[in-house]
PDB file of N, CA and C in Angstrom:
ATOM      1  N   MET A   1      11.794  26.629   6.637  1.00  0.00           N
ATOM      2  CA  MET A   1      11.247  25.091   6.415  1.00  0.00           C
ATOM      3  C   MET A   1      10.693  24.149   6.819  1.00  0.00           C
ATOM      4  N   SER A   2      10.152  23.086   5.942  1.00  0.00           N
ATOM      5  CA  SER A   2       8.646  22.678   6.180  1.00  0.00           C
ATOM      6  C   SER A   2       8.838  21.811   7.983  1.00  0.00           C
ATOM      7  N   GLU A   3       7.631  21.984   8.253  1.00  0.00           N
ATOM      8  CA  GLU A   3       7.845  20.595   9.729  1.00  0.00           C
ATOM      9  C   GLU A   3       7.379  19.585   9.221  1.00  0.00           C
ATOM     10  N   THR A   4       8.210  18.458   9.679  1.00  0.00           N
ATOM     11  CA  THR A   4       7.354  17.227   9.253  1.00  0.00           C
ATOM     12  C   THR A   4       6.123  16.519   9.827  1.00  0.00           C
ATOM     13  N   LYS A   5       5.689  16.613   8.842  1.00  0.00           N
ATOM     14  CA  LYS A   5       3.775  15.419   9.288  1.00  0.00           C
ATOM     15  C   LYS A   5       4.330  14.836  10.257  1.00  0.00           C
ATOM     16  N   TYR A   6       5.037  13.634   9.661  1.00  0.00           N
ATOM     17  CA  TYR A   6       5.123  12.385  10.337  1.00  0.00           C
ATOM     18  C   TYR A   6       6.399  11.619  11.133  1.00  0.00           C
ATOM     19  N   ILE A   7       6.614  11.171  11.713  1.00  0.00           N
ATOM     20  CA  ILE A   7       7.810  10.709  12.688  1.00  0.00           C
ATOM     21  C   ILE A   7       8.109   9.155  11.964  1.00  0.00           C
ATOM     22  N   VAL A   8       6.925   9.002  11.482  1.00  0.00           N
ATOM     23  CA  VAL A   8       7.629   7.267  11.235  1.00  0.00           C
ATOM     24  C   VAL A   8       5.828   6.821  10.010  1.00  0.00           C
ATOM     25  N   LYS A   9       6.524   6.698   8.104  1.00  0.00           N
ATOM     26  CA  LYS A   9       5.461   6.571   7.431  1.00  0.00           C
ATOM     27  C   LYS A   9       6.156   5.297   6.521  1.00  0.00           C
ATOM     28  N   ARG A  10       5.636   4.196   6.509  1.00  0.00           N
ATOM     29  CA  ARG A  10       5.997   3.184   6.281  1.00  0.00           C
ATOM     30  C   ARG A  10       4.467   3.135   5.042  1.00  0.00           C
ATOM     31  N   GLU A  11       5.193   2.099   4.152  1.00  0.00           N
ATOM     32  CA  GLU A  11       4.369   1.734   3.234  1.00  0.00           C
ATOM     33  C   GLU A  11       4.856   0.040   3.196  1.00  0.00           C
ATOM     34  N   TYR A  12       4.067  -0.527   2.358  1.00  0.00           N
ATOM     35  CA  TYR A  12       4.236  -2.233   3.066  1.00  0.00           C
ATOM     36  C   TYR A  12       2.888  -3.253   2.148  1.00  0.00           C
ATOM     37  N   TRP A  13       3.268  -3.856   1.977  1.00  0.00           N
ATOM     38  CA  TRP A  13       2.815  -5.041   0.924  1.00  0.00           C
ATOM     39  C   TRP A  13       2.081  -6.407   1.594  1.00  0.00           C
ATOM     40  N   ASP A  14       0.966  -6.811   1.796  1.00  0.00           N
ATOM     41  CA  ASP A  14       0.854  -7.727   2.655  1.00  0.00           C
ATOM     42  C   ASP A  14      -0.118  -8.564   1.662  1.00  0.00           C
ATOM     43  N   ALA A  15       0.959  -9.398   1.250  1.00  0.00           N
ATOM     44  CA  ALA A  15       0.431 -10.657   0.453  1.00  0.00           C
ATOM     45  C   ALA A  15      -0.445 -11.549   0.482  1.00  0.00           C
ATOM     46  N   GLU A  16      -0.857 -11.483   1.666  1.00  0.00           N
ATOM     47  CA  GLU A  16      -1.280 -12.490   2.567  1.00  0.00           C
ATOM     48  C   GLU A  16      -3.015 -11.834   1.984  1.00  0.00           C
ATOM     49  N   ASN A  17      -3.587 -10.713   2.731  1.00  0.00           N
ATOM     50  CA  ASN A  17      -4.633 -10.245   2.066  1.00  0.00           C
ATOM     51  C   ASN A  17      -4.340  -9.290   0.522  1.00  0.00           C
ATOM     52  N   ASP A  18      -3.226  -9.371  -0.267  1.00  0.00           N
ATOM     53  CA  ASP A  18      -3.604  -8.745  -1.593  1.00  0.00           C
ATOM     54  C   ASP A  18      -3.809  -7.065  -0.772  1.00  0.00           C
ATOM     55  N   ARG A  19      -3.221  -6.437  -0.014  1.00  0.00           N
ATOM     56  CA  ARG A  19      -3.190  -4.759  -0.394  1.00  0.00           C
ATOM     57  C   ARG A  19      -1.741  -4.325   0.342  1.00  0.00           C
ATOM     58  N   TRP A  20      -1.845  -3.184  -0.270  1.00  0.00           N
ATOM     59  CA  TRP A  20      -0.897  -1.935   0.252  1.00  0.00           C
ATOM     60  C   TRP A  20      -0.915  -1.687   1.437  1.00  0.00           C
ATOM     61  N   ILE A  21      -0.637  -1.147   2.158  1.00  0.00           N
ATOM     62  CA  ILE A  21      -0.905  -0.694   3.460  1.00  0.00           C
ATOM     63  C   ILE A  21      -0.182   0.115   4.244  1.00  0.00           C
ATOM     64  N   LEU A  22      -0.337   1.491   4.573  1.00  0.00           N
ATOM     65  CA  LEU A  22      -0.176   2.542   4.443  1.00  0.00           C
ATOM     66  C   LEU A  22       0.498   2.868   6.283  1.00  0.00           C
ATOM     67  N   THR A  23       1.040   3.238   6.997  1.00  0.00           N
ATOM     68  CA  THR A  23       1.130   3.514   8.544  1.00  0.00           C
ATOM     69  C   THR A  23       2.140   4.506   9.020  1.00  0.00           C
ATOM     70  N   THR A  24       1.244   5.183   9.469  1.00  0.00           N
ATOM     71  CA  THR A  24       2.415   7.057  10.297  1.00  0.00           C
ATOM     72  C   THR A  24       1.858   6.817  11.151  1.00  0.00           C
ATOM     73  N   LEU A  25       2.935   7.339  11.993  1.00  0.00           N
ATOM     74  CA  LEU A  25       3.121   7.749  13.526  1.00  0.00           C
ATOM     75  C   LEU A  25       3.160   9.329  13.183  1.00  0.00           C
ATOM     76  N   ASP A  26       2.422  10.403  13.870  1.00  0.00           N
ATOM     77  CA  ASP A  26       2.839  11.963  14.008  1.00  0.00           C
ATOM     78  C   ASP A  26       3.630  11.697  14.934  1.00  0.00           C
ATOM     79  N   LYS A  27       3.440  13.452  15.978  1.00  0.00           N
ATOM     80  CA  LYS A  27       4.743  13.761  16.543  1.00  0.00           C
ATOM     81  C   LYS A  27       3.765  13.734  18.005  1.00  0.00           C
ATOM     82  N   ASP A  28       2.580  13.273  18.260  1.00  0.00           N
ATOM     83  CA  ASP A  28       1.615  13.116  19.233  1.00  0.00           C
ATOM     84  C   ASP A  28       1.138  11.665  19.954  1.00  0.00           C
ATOM     85  N   GLY A  29       1.831  10.599  19.082  1.00  0.00           N
ATOM     86  CA  GLY A  29       2.052   9.429  18.799  1.00  0.00           C
ATOM     87  C   GLY A  29       0.801   9.007  18.215  1.00  0.00           C
ATOM     88  N   GLU A  30      -0.260   8.845  17.173  1.00  0.00           N
ATOM     89  CA  GLU A  30      -1.034   9.071  16.941  1.00  0.00           C
ATOM     90  C   GLU A  30      -0.991   8.145  15.521  1.00  0.00           C
ATOM     91  N   VAL A  31      -1.902   7.373  15.825  1.00  0.00           N
ATOM     92  CA  VAL A  31      -1.270   6.374  14.240  1.00  0.00           C
ATOM     93  C   VAL A  31      -1.927   6.771  13.170  1.00  0.00           C
ATOM     94  N   GLY A  32      -1.613   7.266  12.457  1.00  0.00           N
ATOM     95  CA  GLY A  32      -2.184   7.373  11.171  1.00  0.00           C
ATOM     96  C   GLY A  32      -2.771   5.233   9.827  1.00  0.00           C
ATOM     97  N   LEU A  33      -3.872   5.611   9.675  1.00  0.00           N
ATOM     98  CA  LEU A  33      -3.657   4.294   8.563  1.00  0.00           C
ATOM     99  C   LEU A  33      -4.208   4.512   7.222  1.00  0.00           C
ATOM    100  N   ASN A  34      -3.813   3.757   5.763  1.00  0.00           N
ATOM    101  CA  ASN A  34      -5.304   3.813   4.649  1.00  0.00           C
ATOM    102  C   ASN A  34      -4.579   2.344   4.261  1.00  0.00           C
ATOM    103  N   PHE A  35      -5.507   2.057   2.986  1.00  0.00           N
ATOM    104  CA  PHE A  35      -4.536   0.653   1.946  1.00  0.00           C
ATOM    105  C   PHE A  35      -5.717   0.474   1.224  1.00  0.00           C
ATOM    106  N   MET A  36      -4.440   0.225   0.129  1.00  0.00           N
ATOM    107  CA  MET A  36      -5.613   0.268  -0.987  1.00  0.00           C
ATOM    108  C   MET A  36      -5.613  -1.738  -1.224  1.00  0.00           C
ATOM    109  N   GLN A  37      -6.453  -2.390  -1.883  1.00  0.00           N
ATOM    110  CA  GLN A  37      -6.654  -3.734  -2.546  1.00  0.00           C
ATOM    111  C   GLN A  37      -5.835  -3.744  -3.712  1.00  0.00           C
ATOM    112  N   GLY A  38      -5.316  -4.796  -3.763  1.00  0.00           N
ATOM    113  CA  GLY A  38      -4.652  -4.812  -5.471  1.00  0.00           C
ATOM    114  C   GLY A  38      -3.149  -4.497  -4.482  1.00  0.00           C
ATOM    115  N   ASP A  39      -2.229  -4.749  -6.332  1.00  0.00           N
ATOM    116  CA  ASP A  39      -0.962  -4.960  -5.744  1.00  0.00           C
ATOM    117  C   ASP A  39      -0.650  -3.098  -7.042  1.00  0.00           C
ATOM    118  N   ASP A  40      -1.397  -2.802  -7.654  1.00  0.00           N
ATOM    119  CA  ASP A  40      -0.494  -1.617  -8.501  1.00  0.00           C
ATOM    120  C   ASP A  40       0.147  -0.218  -7.485  1.00  0.00           C
ATOM    121  N   TYR A  41       1.168  -0.325  -7.115  1.00  0.00           N
ATOM    122  CA  TYR A  41       1.698   0.454  -6.372  1.00  0.00           C
ATOM    123  C   TYR A  41       1.869   2.195  -6.317  1.00  0.00           C
ATOM    124  N   GLU A  42       1.366   2.570  -7.794  1.00  0.00           N
ATOM    125  CA  GLU A  42       1.338   3.688  -8.789  1.00  0.00           C
ATOM    126  C   GLU A  42       0.064   4.238  -7.792  1.00  0.00           C
ATOM    127  N   THR A  43      -0.855   3.781  -8.288  1.00  0.00           N
ATOM    128  CA  THR A  43      -2.401   4.035  -7.639  1.00  0.00           C
ATOM    129  C   THR A  43      -2.515   4.118  -6.097  1.00  0.00           C
ATOM    130  N   PHE A  44      -1.783   3.219  -5.434  1.00  0.00           N
ATOM    131  CA  PHE A  44      -1.481   2.925  -4.292  1.00  0.00           C
ATOM    132  C   PHE A  44      -1.017   4.156  -3.834  1.00  0.00           C
ATOM    133  N   LYS A  45       0.420   5.409  -4.260  1.00  0.00           N
ATOM    134  CA  LYS A  45       1.068   5.949  -4.236  1.00  0.00           C
ATOM    135  C   LYS A  45       0.559   7.138  -3.980  1.00  0.00           C
ATOM    136  N   SER A  46      -0.425   7.806  -5.649  1.00  0.00           N
ATOM    137  CA  SER A  46      -1.179   8.167  -5.545  1.00  0.00           C
ATOM    138  C   SER A  46      -2.401   8.872  -4.820  1.00  0.00           C
ATOM    139  N   GLN A  47      -3.177   7.433  -4.876  1.00  0.00           N
ATOM    140  CA  GLN A  47      -4.307   7.773  -4.045  1.00  0.00           C
ATOM    141  C   GLN A  47      -4.548   7.540  -2.481  1.00  0.00           C
ATOM    142  N   PHE A  48      -3.546   6.702  -2.084  1.00  0.00           N
ATOM    143  CA  PHE A  48      -3.320   6.628  -1.105  1.00  0.00           C
ATOM    144  C   PHE A  48      -2.871   7.021  -0.329  1.00  0.00           C
ATOM    145  N   GLY A  49      -2.175   7.460  -0.417  1.00  0.00           N
ATOM    146  CA  GLY A  49      -0.822   8.055   0.488  1.00  0.00           C
ATOM    147  C   GLY A  49      -0.376   8.776   1.735  1.00  0.00           C
ATOM    148  N   GLU A  50      -1.825   9.152   2.051  1.00  0.00           N
ATOM    149  CA  GLU A  50      -1.965   9.617   2.924  1.00  0.00           C
ATOM    150  C   GLU A  50      -3.258   9.242   3.910  1.00  0.00           C
ATOM    151  N   PRO A  51      -3.345   9.058   5.344  1.00  0.00           N
ATOM    152  CA  PRO A  51      -3.973   8.162   5.888  1.00  0.00           C
ATOM    153  C   PRO A  51      -5.730   8.790   5.859  1.00  0.00           C
ATOM    154  N   ASP A  52      -6.451   7.655   6.316  1.00  0.00           N
ATOM    155  CA  ASP A  52      -7.810   7.831   5.862  1.00  0.00           C
ATOM    156  C   ASP A  52      -8.518   7.880   7.783  1.00  0.00           C
ATOM    157  N   PRO A  53      -8.593   8.957   7.511  1.00  0.00           N
ATOM    158  CA  PRO A  53      -9.243   9.700   9.137  1.00  0.00           C
ATOM    159  C   PRO A  53      -9.878   8.935   9.572  1.00  0.00           C
ATOM    160  N   LYS A  54     -11.139   8.239   8.896  1.00  0.00           N
ATOM    161  CA  LYS A  54     -11.950   7.476   8.856  1.00  0.00           C
ATOM    162  C   LYS A  54     -11.589   5.599   9.475  1.00  0.00           C
ATOM    163  N   LEU A  55     -11.123   5.765   8.548  1.00  0.00           N
ATOM    164  CA  LEU A  55      -9.875   4.041   8.906  1.00  0.00           C
ATOM    165  C   LEU A  55      -9.222   4.064  10.393  1.00  0.00           C
ATOM    166  N   SER A  56      -8.608   5.596  10.229  1.00  0.00           N
ATOM    167  CA  SER A  56      -7.663   6.003  11.537  1.00  0.00           C
ATOM    168  C   SER A  56      -7.962   6.147  12.537  1.00  0.00           C
ATOM    169  N   ALA A  57      -9.464   6.113  13.050  1.00  0.00           N
ATOM    170  CA  ALA A  57     -10.189   6.353  14.197  1.00  0.00           C
ATOM    171  C   ALA A  57     -10.413   5.210  15.041  1.00  0.00           C
ATOM    172  N   LEU A  58     -11.256   4.619  13.224  1.00  0.00           N
ATOM    173  CA  LEU A  58     -11.968   2.877  14.378  1.00  0.00           C
ATOM    174  C   LEU A  58     -10.663   1.971  14.504  1.00  0.00           C
ATOM    175  N   TYR A  59      -9.240   2.528  13.300  1.00  0.00           N
ATOM    176  CA  TYR A  59      -8.224   1.825  14.374  1.00  0.00           C
ATOM    177  C   TYR A  59      -7.794   1.695  15.883  1.00  0.00           C
ATOM    178  N   LYS A  60      -8.063   3.629  16.534  1.00  0.00           N
ATOM    179  CA  LYS A  60      -8.137   3.920  17.214  1.00  0.00           C
ATOM    180  C   LYS A  60      -8.963   3.900  18.373  1.00  0.00           C
ATOM    181  N   VAL A  61     -10.412   3.767  17.620  1.00  0.00           N
ATOM    182  CA  VAL A  61     -11.025   2.776  18.608  1.00  0.00           C
ATOM    183  C   VAL A  61     -11.018   1.424  19.043  1.00  0.00           C
ATOM    184  N   VAL A  62     -10.627   0.634  17.956  1.00  0.00           N
ATOM    185  CA  VAL A  62     -10.251  -0.837  18.327  1.00  0.00           C
ATOM    186  C   VAL A  62      -9.009  -1.492  19.129  1.00  0.00           C
ATOM    187  N   ASP A  63      -8.079  -0.753  18.776  1.00  0.00           N
ATOM    188  CA  ASP A  63      -6.607  -0.386  20.031  1.00  0.00           C
ATOM    189  C   ASP A  63      -6.865   0.543  20.997  1.00  0.00           C
ATOM    190  N   ASP A  64      -7.232   0.718  21.763  1.00  0.00           N
ATOM    191  CA  ASP A  64      -7.585   1.572  22.827  1.00  0.00           C
ATOM    192  C   ASP A  64      -8.267   0.912  23.501  1.00  0.00           C
ATOM    193  N   ASN A  65      -9.845   0.214  22.953  1.00  0.00           N
ATOM    194  CA  ASN A  65     -10.134  -0.210  23.563  1.00  0.00           C
ATOM    195  C   ASN A  65      -9.916  -1.868  23.843  1.00  0.00           C
ATOM    196  N   ASN A  66      -9.240  -2.220  23.445  1.00  0.00           N
ATOM    197  CA  ASN A  66      -9.417  -3.886  23.572  1.00  0.00           C
ATOM    198  C   ASN A  66     -10.453  -4.773  22.326  1.00  0.00           C
ATOM    199  N   ILE A  67     -10.708  -3.728  21.740  1.00  0.00           N
ATOM    200  CA  ILE A  67     -11.700  -5.175  21.287  1.00  0.00           C
ATOM    201  C   ILE A  67     -11.158  -5.670  20.502  1.00  0.00           C
ATOM    202  N   ILE A  68     -10.408  -6.559  20.410  1.00  0.00           N
ATOM    203  CA  ILE A  68      -9.936  -7.813  20.107  1.00  0.00           C
ATOM    204  C   ILE A  68      -9.228  -8.588  20.960  1.00  0.00           C
ATOM    205  N   ASP A  69      -9.144  -9.331  21.712  1.00  0.00           N
ATOM    206  CA  ASP A  69      -8.642  -9.418  23.113  1.00  0.00           C
ATOM    207  C   ASP A  69      -7.780 -11.228  22.661  1.00  0.00           C
ATOM    208  N   GLU A  70      -7.576 -11.065  21.668  1.00  0.00           N
ATOM    209  CA  GLU A  70      -6.671 -11.726  21.142  1.00  0.00           C
ATOM    210  C   GLU A  70      -5.165 -11.620  20.937  1.00  0.00           C
ATOM    211  N   ASP A  71      -4.149 -12.043  22.009  1.00  0.00           N
ATOM    212  CA  ASP A  71      -2.801 -12.486  21.330  1.00  0.00           C
ATOM    213  C   ASP A  71      -2.588 -12.100  19.822  1.00  0.00           C
ATOM    214  N   VAL A  72      -2.543 -10.733  19.091  1.00  0.00           N
ATOM    215  CA  VAL A  72      -2.761 -10.170  17.646  1.00  0.00           C
ATOM    216  C   VAL A  72      -1.594  -9.747  17.588  1.00  0.00           C
ATOM    217  N   SER A  73      -0.418 -10.142  16.024  1.00  0.00           N
ATOM    218  CA  SER A  73       0.973  -8.892  16.403  1.00  0.00           C
ATOM    219  C   SER A  73      -0.144  -8.040  15.687  1.00  0.00           C
ATOM    220  N   GLU A  74       0.719  -6.511  15.580  1.00  0.00           N
ATOM    221  CA  GLU A  74       0.582  -5.292  15.181  1.00  0.00           C
ATOM    222  C   GLU A  74      -0.334  -5.021  13.793  1.00  0.00           C
ATOM    223  N   THR A  75       0.353  -6.920  12.877  1.00  0.00           N
ATOM    224  CA  THR A  75       0.165  -6.518  11.171  1.00  0.00           C
ATOM    225  C   THR A  75      -1.455  -7.043  11.651  1.00  0.00           C
ATOM    226  N   GLU A  76      -1.643  -8.145  12.175  1.00  0.00           N
ATOM    227  CA  GLU A  76      -2.778  -9.072  12.552  1.00  0.00           C
ATOM    228  C   GLU A  76      -4.332  -7.591  12.559  1.00  0.00           C
ATOM    229  N   LEU A  77      -3.442  -7.178  13.452  1.00  0.00           N
ATOM    230  CA  LEU A  77      -4.828  -5.828  14.035  1.00  0.00           C
ATOM    231  C   LEU A  77      -5.338  -5.359  13.275  1.00  0.00           C
ATOM    232  N   ILE A  78      -4.379  -4.094  11.692  1.00  0.00           N
ATOM    233  CA  ILE A  78      -4.032  -3.448  11.014  1.00  0.00           C
ATOM    234  C   ILE A  78      -4.950  -4.777  10.024  1.00  0.00           C
ATOM    235  N   ASN A  79      -5.069  -5.799   9.852  1.00  0.00           N
ATOM    236  CA  ASN A  79      -5.917  -5.830   8.616  1.00  0.00           C
ATOM    237  C   ASN A  79      -7.991  -6.448   9.274  1.00  0.00           C
ATOM    238  N   ARG A  80      -6.903  -6.850  10.248  1.00  0.00           N
ATOM    239  CA  ARG A  80      -8.241  -7.312  10.817  1.00  0.00           C
ATOM    240  C   ARG A  80      -9.302  -5.754  10.369  1.00  0.00           C
ATOM    241  N   VAL A  81      -8.657  -4.698  11.056  1.00  0.00           N
ATOM    242  CA  VAL A  81      -9.657  -3.675  10.769  1.00  0.00           C
ATOM    243  C   VAL A  81      -9.935  -2.773   9.133  1.00  0.00           C
ATOM    244  N   CYS A  82      -8.641  -3.445   8.541  1.00  0.00           N
ATOM    245  CA  CYS A  82      -8.999  -2.808   6.995  1.00  0.00           C
ATOM    246  C   CYS A  82     -10.128  -3.723   6.509  1.00  0.00           C
ATOM    247  N   TRP A  83     -10.649  -5.518   7.505  1.00  0.00           N
ATOM    248  CA  TRP A  83     -11.139  -5.732   6.551  1.00  0.00           C
ATOM    249  C   TRP A  83     -12.493  -5.229   7.008  1.00  0.00           C
ATOM    250  N   ALA A  84     -13.272  -4.837   8.527  1.00  0.00           N
ATOM    251  CA  ALA A  84     -14.128  -4.448   9.191  1.00  0.00           C
ATOM    252  C   ALA A  84     -14.743  -2.825   8.255  1.00  0.00           C
ATOM    253  N   TYR A  85     -13.532  -2.840   7.459  1.00  0.00           N
ATOM    254  CA  TYR A  85     -13.565  -1.029   7.217  1.00  0.00           C
ATOM    255  C   TYR A  85     -14.457  -1.399   5.824  1.00  0.00           C
ATOM    256  N   LEU A  86     -13.776  -2.495   4.930  1.00  0.00           N
ATOM    257  CA  LEU A  86     -14.060  -2.332   4.035  1.00  0.00           C
ATOM    258  C   LEU A  86     -15.610  -3.170   4.299  1.00  0.00           C
ATOM    259  N   LYS A  87     -15.923  -3.906   4.951  1.00  0.00           N
ATOM    260  CA  LYS A  87     -16.968  -4.066   5.234  1.00  0.00           C
ATOM    261  C   LYS A  87     -18.240  -3.004   5.196  1.00  0.00           C
ATOM    262  N   LEU A  88     -18.209  -2.446   6.595  1.00  0.00           N
ATOM    263  CA  LEU A  88     -18.711  -1.692   6.548  1.00  0.00           C
ATOM    264  C   LEU A  88     -18.870  -0.738   5.851  1.00  0.00           C
ATOM    265  N   ARG A  89     -18.000  -0.437   4.631  1.00  0.00           N
ATOM    266  CA  ARG A  89     -18.497   0.563   3.620  1.00  0.00           C
ATOM    267  C   ARG A  89     -18.966  -0.115   2.447  1.00  0.00           C
ATOM    268  N   VAL A  90     -19.495  -1.595   2.150  1.00  0.00           N
ATOM    269  CA  VAL A  90     -19.808  -2.035   1.295  1.00  0.00           C
ATOM    270  C   VAL A  90     -21.251  -2.397   1.452  1.00  0.00           C
ATOM    271  N   GLU A  91     -21.953  -1.955   2.931  1.00  0.00           N
ATOM    272  CA  GLU A  91     -22.481  -2.424   3.092  1.00  0.00           C
ATOM    273  C   GLU A  91     -23.602  -1.542   3.707  1.00  0.00           C
TER     274      GLU A  91
END
């Protein structure tokens, strides 16, 4: 019997930010993230279906250190981290 990798794995479409988002939670309480700009679910599922270690690490730093000191929802925090990650990757 194989061990379950995640206790929670959620995929959702964020129309406002034009992206698919993947969030995971493992048995140690670690959050994993990945996303894809655009609405092609099949591409998202096949190429972005596992957490991105660098994006997940950035989220952890931001969340653990209260870098965004405003009271924002988890979804808003994830989107801000995704936008920052995109900006870092293209510059």
